[in-house]
Amino acid sequence: MDNKPWAFLFTDRQRAQEYARTIPNSGFVDESGNVLVISTDTQKAIDYLLALASQGVYGLRFNELNGWFSPIENLPAIIKHVNKS
């Protein structure tokens, strides 16, 4: 998006499936009509996302279609804010 690499994240499988089905021929849906979703532990996801930042990924898009987005460099501040709540 905007000629920059982004990571798309979803808070649950249903949101990921909804998004994947809105994009025809995206490669998110297999031949049987199943959406390809990878679930992981939150800390492992955070570590992975921070590693993506060092590889040039610009930002994060949470629950695309009805969510929000942020430059990936803001992830530590977001985590700190969420942990205060």
PDB file of N, CA and C in Angstrom:
ATOM      1  N   MET A   1       0.848  -1.170   0.000  1.00  0.00           N
ATOM      2  CA  MET A   1       0.000   0.000   0.000  1.00  0.00           C
ATOM      3  C   MET A   1       0.893   1.232   0.000  1.00  0.00           C
ATOM      4  N   ASP A   2       0.484   2.245  -0.757  1.00  0.00           N
ATOM      5  CA  ASP A   2       1.254   3.487  -0.849  1.00  0.00           C
ATOM      6  C   ASP A   2       2.710   3.220  -1.236  1.00  0.00           C
ATOM      7  N   ASN A   3       2.918   2.158  -2.010  1.00  0.00           N
ATOM      8  CA  ASN A   3       4.256   1.759  -2.450  1.00  0.00           C
ATOM      9  C   ASN A   3       5.193   1.428  -1.302  1.00  0.00           C
ATOM     10  N   LYS A   4       4.638   0.959  -0.181  1.00  0.00           N
ATOM     11  CA  LYS A   4       5.425   0.559   0.977  1.00  0.00           C
ATOM     12  C   LYS A   4       4.953  -0.816   1.433  1.00  0.00           C
ATOM     13  N   PRO A   5       5.860  -1.631   1.979  1.00  0.00           N
ATOM     14  CA  PRO A   5       5.439  -2.939   2.495  1.00  0.00           C
ATOM     15  C   PRO A   5       4.769  -2.810   3.862  1.00  0.00           C
ATOM     16  N   TRP A   6       3.654  -3.510   4.034  1.00  0.00           N
ATOM     17  CA  TRP A   6       2.874  -3.509   5.262  1.00  0.00           C
ATOM     18  C   TRP A   6       2.644  -4.945   5.714  1.00  0.00           C
ATOM     19  N   ALA A   7       2.479  -5.139   7.016  1.00  0.00           N
ATOM     20  CA  ALA A   7       2.050  -6.426   7.573  1.00  0.00           C
ATOM     21  C   ALA A   7       0.583  -6.270   7.981  1.00  0.00           C
ATOM     22  N   PHE A   8      -0.229  -7.243   7.624  1.00  0.00           N
ATOM     23  CA  PHE A   8      -1.649  -7.236   7.969  1.00  0.00           C
ATOM     24  C   PHE A   8      -1.856  -8.175   9.156  1.00  0.00           C
ATOM     25  N   LEU A   9      -2.504  -7.663  10.196  1.00  0.00           N
ATOM     26  CA  LEU A   9      -2.730  -8.428  11.419  1.00  0.00           C
ATOM     27  C   LEU A   9      -4.212  -8.406  11.757  1.00  0.00           C
ATOM     28  N   PHE A  10      -4.682  -9.510  12.295  1.00  0.00           N
ATOM     29  CA  PHE A  10      -6.092  -9.615  12.661  1.00  0.00           C
ATOM     30  C   PHE A  10      -6.197 -10.177  14.065  1.00  0.00           C
ATOM     31  N   THR A  11      -7.143  -9.666  14.820  1.00  0.00           N
ATOM     32  CA  THR A  11      -7.296 -10.088  16.208  1.00  0.00           C
ATOM     33  C   THR A  11      -8.005 -11.424  16.350  1.00  0.00           C
ATOM     34  N   ASP A  12      -8.630 -11.902  15.279  1.00  0.00           N
ATOM     35  CA  ASP A  12      -9.240 -13.227  15.324  1.00  0.00           C
ATOM     36  C   ASP A  12      -9.369 -13.777  13.902  1.00  0.00           C
ATOM     37  N   ARG A  13      -9.562 -15.077  13.851  1.00  0.00           N
ATOM     38  CA  ARG A  13      -9.634 -15.798  12.575  1.00  0.00           C
ATOM     39  C   ARG A  13     -10.769 -15.288  11.686  1.00  0.00           C
ATOM     40  N   GLN A  14     -11.912 -14.965  12.281  1.00  0.00           N
ATOM     41  CA  GLN A  14     -13.059 -14.518  11.498  1.00  0.00           C
ATOM     42  C   GLN A  14     -12.758 -13.211  10.748  1.00  0.00           C
ATOM     43  N   ARG A  15     -12.079 -12.287  11.404  1.00  0.00           N
ATOM     44  CA  ARG A  15     -11.738 -11.022  10.743  1.00  0.00           C
ATOM     45  C   ARG A  15     -10.766 -11.263   9.594  1.00  0.00           C
ATOM     46  N   ALA A  16      -9.831 -12.149   9.793  1.00  0.00           N
ATOM     47  CA  ALA A  16      -8.874 -12.478   8.734  1.00  0.00           C
ATOM     48  C   ALA A  16      -9.602 -13.107   7.543  1.00  0.00           C
ATOM     49  N   GLN A  17     -10.524 -14.010   7.824  1.00  0.00           N
ATOM     50  CA  GLN A  17     -11.274 -14.654   6.752  1.00  0.00           C
ATOM     51  C   GLN A  17     -12.142 -13.650   6.001  1.00  0.00           C
ATOM     52  N   GLU A  18     -12.779 -12.755   6.713  1.00  0.00           N
ATOM     53  CA  GLU A  18     -13.611 -11.738   6.075  1.00  0.00           C
ATOM     54  C   GLU A  18     -12.775 -10.884   5.114  1.00  0.00           C
ATOM     55  N   TYR A  19     -11.619 -10.446   5.580  1.00  0.00           N
ATOM     56  CA  TYR A  19     -10.755  -9.627   4.735  1.00  0.00           C
ATOM     57  C   TYR A  19     -10.285 -10.413   3.506  1.00  0.00           C
ATOM     58  N   ALA A  20      -9.817 -11.622   3.729  1.00  0.00           N
ATOM     59  CA  ALA A  20      -9.277 -12.426   2.631  1.00  0.00           C
ATOM     60  C   ALA A  20     -10.299 -12.662   1.535  1.00  0.00           C
ATOM     61  N   ARG A  21     -11.535 -12.832   1.914  1.00  0.00           N
ATOM     62  CA  ARG A  21     -12.579 -13.109   0.926  1.00  0.00           C
ATOM     63  C   ARG A  21     -13.001 -11.865   0.148  1.00  0.00           C
ATOM     64  N   THR A  22     -12.607 -10.680   0.598  1.00  0.00           N
ATOM     65  CA  THR A  22     -12.969  -9.448  -0.117  1.00  0.00           C
ATOM     66  C   THR A  22     -12.008  -9.137  -1.262  1.00  0.00           C
ATOM     67  N   ILE A  23     -10.893  -9.850  -1.335  1.00  0.00           N
ATOM     68  CA  ILE A  23      -9.871  -9.562  -2.337  1.00  0.00           C
ATOM     69  C   ILE A  23      -9.786 -10.741  -3.313  1.00  0.00           C
ATOM     70  N   PRO A  24     -10.450 -10.659  -4.444  1.00  0.00           N
ATOM     71  CA  PRO A  24     -10.408 -11.780  -5.405  1.00  0.00           C
ATOM     72  C   PRO A  24      -8.990 -12.027  -5.912  1.00  0.00           C
ATOM     73  N   ASN A  25      -8.671 -13.287  -6.095  1.00  0.00           N
ATOM     74  CA  ASN A  25      -7.379 -13.708  -6.658  1.00  0.00           C
ATOM     75  C   ASN A  25      -6.187 -13.176  -5.877  1.00  0.00           C
ATOM     76  N   SER A  26      -6.321 -13.080  -4.573  1.00  0.00           N
ATOM     77  CA  SER A  26      -5.246 -12.540  -3.737  1.00  0.00           C
ATOM     78  C   SER A  26      -4.248 -13.598  -3.295  1.00  0.00           C
ATOM     79  N   GLY A  27      -4.623 -14.858  -3.419  1.00  0.00           N
ATOM     80  CA  GLY A  27      -3.772 -15.923  -2.925  1.00  0.00           C
ATOM     81  C   GLY A  27      -4.035 -16.265  -1.470  1.00  0.00           C
ATOM     82  N   PHE A  28      -5.010 -15.587  -0.856  1.00  0.00           N
ATOM     83  CA  PHE A  28      -5.348 -15.855   0.543  1.00  0.00           C
ATOM     84  C   PHE A  28      -6.299 -17.034   0.691  1.00  0.00           C
ATOM     85  N   VAL A  29      -6.969 -17.419  -0.396  1.00  0.00           N
ATOM     86  CA  VAL A  29      -7.972 -18.477  -0.355  1.00  0.00           C
ATOM     87  C   VAL A  29      -7.475 -19.648  -1.200  1.00  0.00           C
ATOM     88  N   ASP A  30      -7.510 -20.854  -0.621  1.00  0.00           N
ATOM     89  CA  ASP A  30      -7.021 -22.015  -1.371  1.00  0.00           C
ATOM     90  C   ASP A  30      -8.099 -22.545  -2.330  1.00  0.00           C
ATOM     91  N   GLU A  31      -7.777 -23.605  -3.054  1.00  0.00           N
ATOM     92  CA  GLU A  31      -8.677 -24.164  -4.066  1.00  0.00           C
ATOM     93  C   GLU A  31     -10.004 -24.638  -3.485  1.00  0.00           C
ATOM     94  N   SER A  32     -10.008 -25.013  -2.200  1.00  0.00           N
ATOM     95  CA  SER A  32     -11.225 -25.488  -1.539  1.00  0.00           C
ATOM     96  C   SER A  32     -12.062 -24.358  -0.956  1.00  0.00           C
ATOM     97  N   GLY A  33     -11.585 -23.126  -1.073  1.00  0.00           N
ATOM     98  CA  GLY A  33     -12.302 -21.992  -0.518  1.00  0.00           C
ATOM     99  C   GLY A  33     -11.936 -21.655   0.912  1.00  0.00           C
ATOM    100  N   ASN A  34     -10.911 -22.335   1.429  1.00  0.00           N
ATOM    101  CA  ASN A  34     -10.450 -22.060   2.787  1.00  0.00           C
ATOM    102  C   ASN A  34      -9.469 -20.898   2.797  1.00  0.00           C
ATOM    103  N   VAL A  35      -9.599 -20.041   3.778  1.00  0.00           N
ATOM    104  CA  VAL A  35      -8.686 -18.910   3.926  1.00  0.00           C
ATOM    105  C   VAL A  35      -7.430 -19.386   4.642  1.00  0.00           C
ATOM    106  N   LEU A  36      -6.291 -18.964   4.123  1.00  0.00           N
ATOM    107  CA  LEU A  36      -5.018 -19.355   4.702  1.00  0.00           C
ATOM    108  C   LEU A  36      -4.660 -18.378   5.823  1.00  0.00           C
ATOM    109  N   VAL A  37      -4.731 -18.852   7.080  1.00  0.00           N
ATOM    110  CA  VAL A  37      -4.493 -18.029   8.255  1.00  0.00           C
ATOM    111  C   VAL A  37      -3.408 -18.687   9.098  1.00  0.00           C
ATOM    112  N   ILE A  38      -2.493 -17.886   9.579  1.00  0.00           N
ATOM    113  CA  ILE A  38      -1.464 -18.375  10.495  1.00  0.00           C
ATOM    114  C   ILE A  38      -1.736 -17.753  11.858  1.00  0.00           C
ATOM    115  N   SER A  39      -1.972 -18.580  12.842  1.00  0.00           N
ATOM    116  CA  SER A  39      -2.170 -18.104  14.211  1.00  0.00           C
ATOM    117  C   SER A  39      -0.885 -18.343  14.987  1.00  0.00           C
ATOM    118  N   THR A  40      -0.590 -17.434  15.914  1.00  0.00           N
ATOM    119  CA  THR A  40       0.626 -17.588  16.701  1.00  0.00           C
ATOM    120  C   THR A  40       0.464 -16.927  18.059  1.00  0.00           C
ATOM    121  N   ASP A  41       1.365 -17.239  18.928  1.00  0.00           N
ATOM    122  CA  ASP A  41       1.463 -16.635  20.245  1.00  0.00           C
ATOM    123  C   ASP A  41       1.758 -15.138  20.098  1.00  0.00           C
ATOM    124  N   THR A  42       1.172 -14.326  20.950  1.00  0.00           N
ATOM    125  CA  THR A  42       1.320 -12.871  20.840  1.00  0.00           C
ATOM    126  C   THR A  42       2.778 -12.443  20.891  1.00  0.00           C
ATOM    127  N   GLN A  43       3.549 -12.943  21.840  1.00  0.00           N
ATOM    128  CA  GLN A  43       4.951 -12.518  21.948  1.00  0.00           C
ATOM    129  C   GLN A  43       5.753 -12.930  20.715  1.00  0.00           C
ATOM    130  N   LYS A  44       5.479 -14.116  20.185  1.00  0.00           N
ATOM    131  CA  LYS A  44       6.170 -14.550  18.960  1.00  0.00           C
ATOM    132  C   LYS A  44       5.810 -13.628  17.803  1.00  0.00           C
ATOM    133  N   ALA A  45       4.552 -13.209  17.740  1.00  0.00           N
ATOM    134  CA  ALA A  45       4.125 -12.289  16.680  1.00  0.00           C
ATOM    135  C   ALA A  45       4.847 -10.953  16.816  1.00  0.00           C
ATOM    136  N   ILE A  46       4.950 -10.439  18.029  1.00  0.00           N
ATOM    137  CA  ILE A  46       5.644  -9.168  18.256  1.00  0.00           C
ATOM    138  C   ILE A  46       7.102  -9.277  17.826  1.00  0.00           C
ATOM    139  N   ASP A  47       7.767 -10.340  18.235  1.00  0.00           N
ATOM    140  CA  ASP A  47       9.172 -10.542  17.859  1.00  0.00           C
ATOM    141  C   ASP A  47       9.318 -10.602  16.341  1.00  0.00           C
ATOM    142  N   TYR A  48       8.408 -11.308  15.691  1.00  0.00           N
ATOM    143  CA  TYR A  48       8.435 -11.432  14.235  1.00  0.00           C
ATOM    144  C   TYR A  48       8.232 -10.075  13.565  1.00  0.00           C
ATOM    145  N   LEU A  49       7.274  -9.306  14.065  1.00  0.00           N
ATOM    146  CA  LEU A  49       6.997  -7.991  13.483  1.00  0.00           C
ATOM    147  C   LEU A  49       8.178  -7.047  13.653  1.00  0.00           C
ATOM    148  N   LEU A  50       8.806  -7.079  14.805  1.00  0.00           N
ATOM    149  CA  LEU A  50       9.979  -6.223  15.014  1.00  0.00           C
ATOM    150  C   LEU A  50      11.114  -6.633  14.075  1.00  0.00           C
ATOM    151  N   ALA A  51      11.237  -7.923  13.812  1.00  0.00           N
ATOM    152  CA  ALA A  51      12.243  -8.382  12.849  1.00  0.00           C
ATOM    153  C   ALA A  51      11.888  -7.905  11.438  1.00  0.00           C
ATOM    154  N   LEU A  52      10.608  -7.893  11.097  1.00  0.00           N
ATOM    155  CA  LEU A  52      10.196  -7.395   9.783  1.00  0.00           C
ATOM    156  C   LEU A  52      10.561  -5.925   9.610  1.00  0.00           C
ATOM    157  N   ALA A  53      10.496  -5.169  10.687  1.00  0.00           N
ATOM    158  CA  ALA A  53      10.852  -3.749  10.622  1.00  0.00           C
ATOM    159  C   ALA A  53      12.296  -3.587  10.165  1.00  0.00           C
ATOM    160  N   SER A  54      13.170  -4.439  10.657  1.00  0.00           N
ATOM    161  CA  SER A  54      14.576  -4.346  10.273  1.00  0.00           C
ATOM    162  C   SER A  54      14.812  -4.806   8.838  1.00  0.00           C
ATOM    163  N   GLN A  55      13.790  -5.439   8.247  1.00  0.00           N
ATOM    164  CA  GLN A  55      13.890  -5.893   6.864  1.00  0.00           C
ATOM    165  C   GLN A  55      13.137  -4.974   5.906  1.00  0.00           C
ATOM    166  N   GLY A  56      12.685  -3.825   6.412  1.00  0.00           N
ATOM    167  CA  GLY A  56      12.078  -2.840   5.529  1.00  0.00           C
ATOM    168  C   GLY A  56      10.571  -2.765   5.508  1.00  0.00           C
ATOM    169  N   VAL A  57       9.876  -3.555   6.349  1.00  0.00           N
ATOM    170  CA  VAL A  57       8.418  -3.441   6.396  1.00  0.00           C
ATOM    171  C   VAL A  57       8.082  -2.112   7.055  1.00  0.00           C
ATOM    172  N   TYR A  58       7.240  -1.333   6.412  1.00  0.00           N
ATOM    173  CA  TYR A  58       6.937   0.019   6.875  1.00  0.00           C
ATOM    174  C   TYR A  58       5.930   0.075   8.023  1.00  0.00           C
ATOM    175  N   GLY A  59       4.834  -0.687   7.889  1.00  0.00           N
ATOM    176  CA  GLY A  59       3.771  -0.500   8.864  1.00  0.00           C
ATOM    177  C   GLY A  59       2.934  -1.726   9.134  1.00  0.00           C
ATOM    178  N   LEU A  60       1.990  -1.530  10.061  1.00  0.00           N
ATOM    179  CA  LEU A  60       1.072  -2.576  10.497  1.00  0.00           C
ATOM    180  C   LEU A  60      -0.349  -2.131  10.224  1.00  0.00           C
ATOM    181  N   ARG A  61      -1.147  -3.039   9.723  1.00  0.00           N
ATOM    182  CA  ARG A  61      -2.564  -2.759   9.465  1.00  0.00           C
ATOM    183  C   ARG A  61      -3.361  -3.783  10.271  1.00  0.00           C
ATOM    184  N   PHE A  62      -4.056  -3.299  11.294  1.00  0.00           N
ATOM    185  CA  PHE A  62      -4.809  -4.157  12.191  1.00  0.00           C
ATOM    186  C   PHE A  62      -6.266  -4.223  11.764  1.00  0.00           C
ATOM    187  N   ASN A  63      -6.779  -5.436  11.624  1.00  0.00           N
ATOM    188  CA  ASN A  63      -8.186  -5.671  11.280  1.00  0.00           C
ATOM    189  C   ASN A  63      -8.625  -4.818  10.090  1.00  0.00           C
ATOM    190  N   GLU A  64      -7.890  -4.943   9.016  1.00  0.00           N
ATOM    191  CA  GLU A  64      -8.176  -4.195   7.783  1.00  0.00           C
ATOM    192  C   GLU A  64      -9.646  -4.345   7.414  1.00  0.00           C
ATOM    193  N   LEU A  65     -10.247  -3.341   6.930  1.00  0.00           N
ATOM    194  CA  LEU A  65     -11.648  -3.133   6.568  1.00  0.00           C
ATOM    195  C   LEU A  65     -12.346  -2.307   7.635  1.00  0.00           C
ATOM    196  N   ASN A  66     -12.028  -2.556   8.890  1.00  0.00           N
ATOM    197  CA  ASN A  66     -12.663  -1.811   9.969  1.00  0.00           C
ATOM    198  C   ASN A  66     -11.699  -1.728  11.150  1.00  0.00           C
ATOM    199  N   GLY A  67     -10.464  -1.331  10.887  1.00  0.00           N
ATOM    200  CA  GLY A  67      -9.457  -1.320  11.934  1.00  0.00           C
ATOM    201  C   GLY A  67      -8.637  -0.052  11.904  1.00  0.00           C
ATOM    202  N   TRP A  68      -7.363  -0.197  12.126  1.00  0.00           N
ATOM    203  CA  TRP A  68      -6.472   0.953  12.168  1.00  0.00           C
ATOM    204  C   TRP A  68      -5.091   0.539  11.686  1.00  0.00           C
ATOM    205  N   PHE A  69      -4.212   1.515  11.523  1.00  0.00           N
ATOM    206  CA  PHE A  69      -2.873   1.225  11.031  1.00  0.00           C
ATOM    207  C   PHE A  69      -1.860   2.147  11.700  1.00  0.00           C
ATOM    208  N   SER A  70      -0.592   1.736  11.625  1.00  0.00           N
ATOM    209  CA  SER A  70       0.473   2.504  12.247  1.00  0.00           C
ATOM    210  C   SER A  70       1.804   2.127  11.615  1.00  0.00           C
ATOM    211  N   PRO A  71       2.735   3.080  11.567  1.00  0.00           N
ATOM    212  CA  PRO A  71       4.101   2.691  11.187  1.00  0.00           C
ATOM    213  C   PRO A  71       4.603   1.642  12.184  1.00  0.00           C
ATOM    214  N   ILE A  72       5.332   0.679  11.700  1.00  0.00           N
ATOM    215  CA  ILE A  72       5.799  -0.413  12.555  1.00  0.00           C
ATOM    216  C   ILE A  72       6.736   0.099  13.645  1.00  0.00           C
ATOM    217  N   GLU A  73       7.384   1.216  13.413  1.00  0.00           N
ATOM    218  CA  GLU A  73       8.286   1.771  14.427  1.00  0.00           C
ATOM    219  C   GLU A  73       7.538   2.189  15.699  1.00  0.00           C
ATOM    220  N   ASN A  74       6.216   2.335  15.609  1.00  0.00           N
ATOM    221  CA  ASN A  74       5.406   2.688  16.777  1.00  0.00           C
ATOM    222  C   ASN A  74       5.015   1.476  17.622  1.00  0.00           C
ATOM    223  N   LEU A  75       5.335   0.273  17.166  1.00  0.00           N
ATOM    224  CA  LEU A  75       4.894  -0.936  17.868  1.00  0.00           C
ATOM    225  C   LEU A  75       5.330  -0.970  19.335  1.00  0.00           C
ATOM    226  N   PRO A  76       6.570  -0.660  19.685  1.00  0.00           N
ATOM    227  CA  PRO A  76       6.925  -0.680  21.112  1.00  0.00           C
ATOM    228  C   PRO A  76       6.066   0.277  21.950  1.00  0.00           C
ATOM    229  N   ALA A  77       5.770   1.463  21.430  1.00  0.00           N
ATOM    230  CA  ALA A  77       4.924   2.413  22.172  1.00  0.00           C
ATOM    231  C   ALA A  77       3.493   1.902  22.286  1.00  0.00           C
ATOM    232  N   ILE A  78       2.986   1.265  21.250  1.00  0.00           N
ATOM    233  CA  ILE A  78       1.637   0.689  21.287  1.00  0.00           C
ATOM    234  C   ILE A  78       1.563  -0.395  22.354  1.00  0.00           C
ATOM    235  N   ILE A  79       2.553  -1.265  22.383  1.00  0.00           N
ATOM    236  CA  ILE A  79       2.578  -2.358  23.367  1.00  0.00           C
ATOM    237  C   ILE A  79       2.637  -1.775  24.779  1.00  0.00           C
ATOM    238  N   LYS A  80       3.472  -0.773  24.973  1.00  0.00           N
ATOM    239  CA  LYS A  80       3.588  -0.151  26.294  1.00  0.00           C
ATOM    240  C   LYS A  80       2.248   0.439  26.719  1.00  0.00           C
ATOM    241  N   HIS A  81       1.566   1.103  25.800  1.00  0.00           N
ATOM    242  CA  HIS A  81       0.256   1.696  26.106  1.00  0.00           C
ATOM    243  C   HIS A  81      -0.773   0.619  26.441  1.00  0.00           C
ATOM    244  N   VAL A  82      -0.820  -0.431  25.671  1.00  0.00           N
ATOM    245  CA  VAL A  82      -1.785  -1.510  25.908  1.00  0.00           C
ATOM    246  C   VAL A  82      -1.518  -2.182  27.252  1.00  0.00           C
ATOM    247  N   ASN A  83      -0.263  -2.368  27.592  1.00  0.00           N
ATOM    248  CA  ASN A  83       0.073  -3.027  28.861  1.00  0.00           C
ATOM    249  C   ASN A  83      -0.265  -2.171  30.086  1.00  0.00           C
ATOM    250  N   LYS A  84      -0.416  -0.869  29.895  1.00  0.00           N
ATOM    251  CA  LYS A  84      -0.817   0.006  31.005  1.00  0.00           C
ATOM    252  C   LYS A  84      -2.298  -0.147  31.325  1.00  0.00           C
ATOM    253  N   SER A  85      -3.077  -0.540  30.311  1.00  0.00           N
ATOM    254  CA  SER A  85      -4.541  -0.608  30.474  1.00  0.00           C
ATOM    255  C   SER A  85      -4.961  -1.734  31.377  1.00  0.00           C
TER     256      SER A  85
END
